[in-house]
Amino acid sequence: MDDFEARIADLEVRLVFQDDSIQSLSELVTQQQLEMERMRRALEVLARRQSELAASIPGEATDDDQPPPHY
């Protein structure tokens, strides 16, 4: 019976470590998701600013500003 109790105790210890590992990984994934969302929003802001800057540069023609080839 002692061997059986030792095996159960070993399984309980493993379960506790697994639960702790799962919780740690879950927290890490949550932090990474928040960071990725923050970086996505920052990228959108930068892309919008770059577009506004490119449109405000005088003499710089974009594809929309150029006349069609037959002119």
N, C-alpha and C. Protein backbone atom coordinates (compact mmCIF):
# COMPACT_ATOMS: atom_id res chain seq x y z
N MET A 1 0.81 -1.19 0.00
CA MET A 1 0.00 0.00 0.00
C MET A 1 0.86 1.27 0.00
N ASP A 2 2.03 1.20 0.59
CA ASP A 2 2.92 2.36 0.63
C ASP A 2 3.34 2.78 -0.77
N ASP A 3 3.57 1.80 -1.65
CA ASP A 3 3.96 2.12 -3.02
C ASP A 3 2.83 2.84 -3.73
N PHE A 4 1.61 2.40 -3.49
CA PHE A 4 0.45 3.02 -4.10
C PHE A 4 0.30 4.47 -3.61
N GLU A 5 0.47 4.71 -2.32
CA GLU A 5 0.37 6.05 -1.75
C GLU A 5 1.49 6.95 -2.27
N ALA A 6 2.66 6.38 -2.46
CA ALA A 6 3.80 7.15 -2.98
C ALA A 6 3.52 7.57 -4.42
N ARG A 7 2.94 6.68 -5.19
CA ARG A 7 2.62 7.01 -6.58
C ARG A 7 1.56 8.09 -6.64
N ILE A 8 0.56 8.01 -5.76
CA ILE A 8 -0.49 9.03 -5.73
C ILE A 8 0.11 10.37 -5.32
N ALA A 9 0.99 10.37 -4.33
CA ALA A 9 1.65 11.61 -3.89
C ALA A 9 2.48 12.20 -5.03
N ASP A 10 3.18 11.34 -5.77
CA ASP A 10 3.98 11.81 -6.91
C ASP A 10 3.08 12.43 -7.98
N LEU A 11 1.95 11.79 -8.24
CA LEU A 11 1.01 12.35 -9.23
C LEU A 11 0.43 13.68 -8.76
N GLU A 12 0.15 13.80 -7.48
CA GLU A 12 -0.36 15.06 -6.95
C GLU A 12 0.67 16.17 -7.09
N VAL A 13 1.92 15.87 -6.83
CA VAL A 13 2.99 16.86 -6.97
C VAL A 13 3.11 17.28 -8.43
N ARG A 14 3.07 16.32 -9.33
CA ARG A 14 3.14 16.64 -10.76
C ARG A 14 1.97 17.51 -11.18
N LEU A 15 0.79 17.21 -10.67
CA LEU A 15 -0.40 17.98 -11.01
C LEU A 15 -0.25 19.43 -10.56
N VAL A 16 0.28 19.63 -9.37
CA VAL A 16 0.48 20.99 -8.87
C VAL A 16 1.45 21.75 -9.76
N PHE A 17 2.55 21.12 -10.16
CA PHE A 17 3.51 21.77 -11.04
C PHE A 17 2.91 22.05 -12.41
N GLN A 18 2.11 21.13 -12.91
CA GLN A 18 1.46 21.34 -14.21
C GLN A 18 0.46 22.49 -14.13
N ASP A 19 -0.31 22.55 -13.06
CA ASP A 19 -1.26 23.65 -12.89
C ASP A 19 -0.53 24.98 -12.84
N ASP A 20 0.60 25.02 -12.12
CA ASP A 20 1.38 26.25 -12.04
C ASP A 20 1.94 26.63 -13.41
N SER A 21 2.43 25.66 -14.15
CA SER A 21 2.97 25.93 -15.48
C SER A 21 1.88 26.42 -16.42
N ILE A 22 0.73 25.81 -16.38
CA ILE A 22 -0.38 26.23 -17.23
C ILE A 22 -0.80 27.65 -16.90
N GLN A 23 -0.88 27.99 -15.62
CA GLN A 23 -1.25 29.33 -15.20
C GLN A 23 -0.22 30.34 -15.68
N SER A 24 1.06 30.02 -15.52
CA SER A 24 2.13 30.93 -15.97
C SER A 24 2.07 31.15 -17.47
N LEU A 25 1.87 30.08 -18.22
CA LEU A 25 1.78 30.20 -19.68
C LEU A 25 0.55 31.00 -20.10
N SER A 26 -0.54 30.80 -19.41
CA SER A 26 -1.76 31.54 -19.72
C SER A 26 -1.55 33.03 -19.49
N GLU A 27 -0.91 33.39 -18.40
CA GLU A 27 -0.63 34.80 -18.13
C GLU A 27 0.31 35.38 -19.19
N LEU A 28 1.29 34.61 -19.60
CA LEU A 28 2.23 35.07 -20.61
C LEU A 28 1.52 35.30 -21.95
N VAL A 29 0.65 34.39 -22.33
CA VAL A 29 -0.09 34.55 -23.59
C VAL A 29 -0.98 35.79 -23.52
N THR A 30 -1.62 36.01 -22.39
CA THR A 30 -2.46 37.19 -22.22
C THR A 30 -1.64 38.47 -22.36
N GLN A 31 -0.46 38.51 -21.73
CA GLN A 31 0.42 39.68 -21.84
C GLN A 31 0.85 39.89 -23.28
N GLN A 32 1.18 38.83 -23.97
CA GLN A 32 1.62 38.95 -25.36
C GLN A 32 0.48 39.44 -26.26
N GLN A 33 -0.72 38.98 -26.01
CA GLN A 33 -1.86 39.45 -26.80
C GLN A 33 -2.09 40.95 -26.59
N LEU A 34 -1.98 41.40 -25.35
CA LEU A 34 -2.14 42.82 -25.07
C LEU A 34 -1.04 43.64 -25.75
N GLU A 35 0.19 43.14 -25.69
CA GLU A 35 1.31 43.83 -26.33
C GLU A 35 1.13 43.87 -27.85
N MET A 36 0.68 42.79 -28.44
CA MET A 36 0.46 42.77 -29.89
C MET A 36 -0.64 43.74 -30.28
N GLU A 37 -1.68 43.85 -29.49
CA GLU A 37 -2.76 44.80 -29.78
C GLU A 37 -2.24 46.23 -29.67
N ARG A 38 -1.41 46.50 -28.67
CA ARG A 38 -0.84 47.83 -28.51
C ARG A 38 0.05 48.16 -29.71
N MET A 39 0.85 47.22 -30.16
CA MET A 39 1.73 47.45 -31.31
C MET A 39 0.92 47.60 -32.60
N ARG A 40 -0.17 46.88 -32.73
CA ARG A 40 -1.03 47.02 -33.92
C ARG A 40 -1.61 48.42 -33.99
N ARG A 41 -2.10 48.92 -32.85
CA ARG A 41 -2.65 50.28 -32.83
C ARG A 41 -1.56 51.32 -33.14
N ALA A 42 -0.36 51.11 -32.59
CA ALA A 42 0.74 52.04 -32.86
C ALA A 42 1.11 52.01 -34.33
N LEU A 43 1.10 50.85 -34.94
CA LEU A 43 1.41 50.73 -36.37
C LEU A 43 0.36 51.45 -37.21
N GLU A 44 -0.89 51.33 -36.84
CA GLU A 44 -1.95 52.03 -37.57
C GLU A 44 -1.75 53.55 -37.48
N VAL A 45 -1.40 54.04 -36.30
CA VAL A 45 -1.15 55.48 -36.13
C VAL A 45 0.03 55.91 -37.00
N LEU A 46 1.11 55.14 -36.98
CA LEU A 46 2.29 55.47 -37.78
C LEU A 46 1.97 55.45 -39.28
N ALA A 47 1.21 54.47 -39.72
CA ALA A 47 0.85 54.38 -41.13
C ALA A 47 -0.01 55.57 -41.54
N ARG A 48 -0.92 55.97 -40.68
CA ARG A 48 -1.77 57.13 -40.97
C ARG A 48 -0.92 58.40 -41.04
N ARG A 49 0.00 58.57 -40.09
CA ARG A 49 0.87 59.75 -40.10
C ARG A 49 1.76 59.78 -41.34
N GLN A 50 2.29 58.63 -41.71
CA GLN A 50 3.15 58.55 -42.89
C GLN A 50 2.36 58.93 -44.13
N SER A 51 1.15 58.46 -44.22
CA SER A 51 0.29 58.78 -45.36
C SER A 51 -0.02 60.27 -45.40
N GLU A 52 -0.32 60.85 -44.25
CA GLU A 52 -0.60 62.28 -44.19
C GLU A 52 0.64 63.08 -44.55
N LEU A 53 1.79 62.65 -44.07
CA LEU A 53 3.04 63.34 -44.39
C LEU A 53 3.35 63.26 -45.87
N ALA A 54 3.17 62.10 -46.46
CA ALA A 54 3.45 61.93 -47.89
C ALA A 54 2.51 62.81 -48.72
N ALA A 55 1.28 62.95 -48.28
CA ALA A 55 0.32 63.77 -49.02
C ALA A 55 0.62 65.26 -48.88
N SER A 56 1.29 65.65 -47.80
CA SER A 56 1.54 67.07 -47.56
C SER A 56 2.85 67.57 -48.18
N ILE A 57 3.67 66.67 -48.72
CA ILE A 57 4.93 67.08 -49.33
C ILE A 57 4.65 67.67 -50.70
N PRO A 58 5.00 68.97 -50.90
CA PRO A 58 4.73 69.59 -52.20
C PRO A 58 5.64 69.02 -53.27
N GLY A 59 5.11 68.88 -54.47
CA GLY A 59 5.90 68.39 -55.59
C GLY A 59 6.02 66.88 -55.64
N GLU A 60 5.57 66.21 -54.63
CA GLU A 60 5.61 64.75 -54.63
C GLU A 60 4.28 64.25 -55.16
N ALA A 61 4.30 63.68 -56.33
CA ALA A 61 3.06 63.18 -56.94
C ALA A 61 2.84 61.74 -56.52
N THR A 62 1.62 61.45 -56.17
CA THR A 62 1.25 60.07 -55.90
C THR A 62 0.55 59.52 -57.12
N ASP A 63 0.24 58.27 -57.10
CA ASP A 63 -0.45 57.65 -58.23
C ASP A 63 -1.78 58.34 -58.52
N ASP A 64 -2.45 58.86 -57.49
CA ASP A 64 -3.74 59.52 -57.68
C ASP A 64 -3.59 60.90 -58.32
N ASP A 65 -2.43 61.54 -58.13
CA ASP A 65 -2.22 62.89 -58.64
C ASP A 65 -1.76 62.92 -60.10
N GLN A 66 -1.26 61.86 -60.61
CA GLN A 66 -0.72 61.84 -61.96
C GLN A 66 -1.82 61.75 -63.01
N PRO A 67 -1.68 62.51 -64.08
CA PRO A 67 -2.70 62.41 -65.14
C PRO A 67 -2.58 61.06 -65.85
N PRO A 68 -3.65 60.65 -66.47
CA PRO A 68 -3.60 59.38 -67.21
C PRO A 68 -2.56 59.46 -68.34
N PRO A 69 -2.06 58.36 -68.83
CA PRO A 69 -0.99 58.35 -69.83
C PRO A 69 -1.38 59.00 -71.16
N HIS A 70 -2.65 59.11 -71.50
CA HIS A 70 -3.03 59.67 -72.80
C HIS A 70 -3.01 61.19 -72.82
N TYR A 71 -2.70 61.87 -71.73
CA TYR A 71 -2.60 63.34 -71.73
C TYR A 71 -1.25 63.79 -72.12
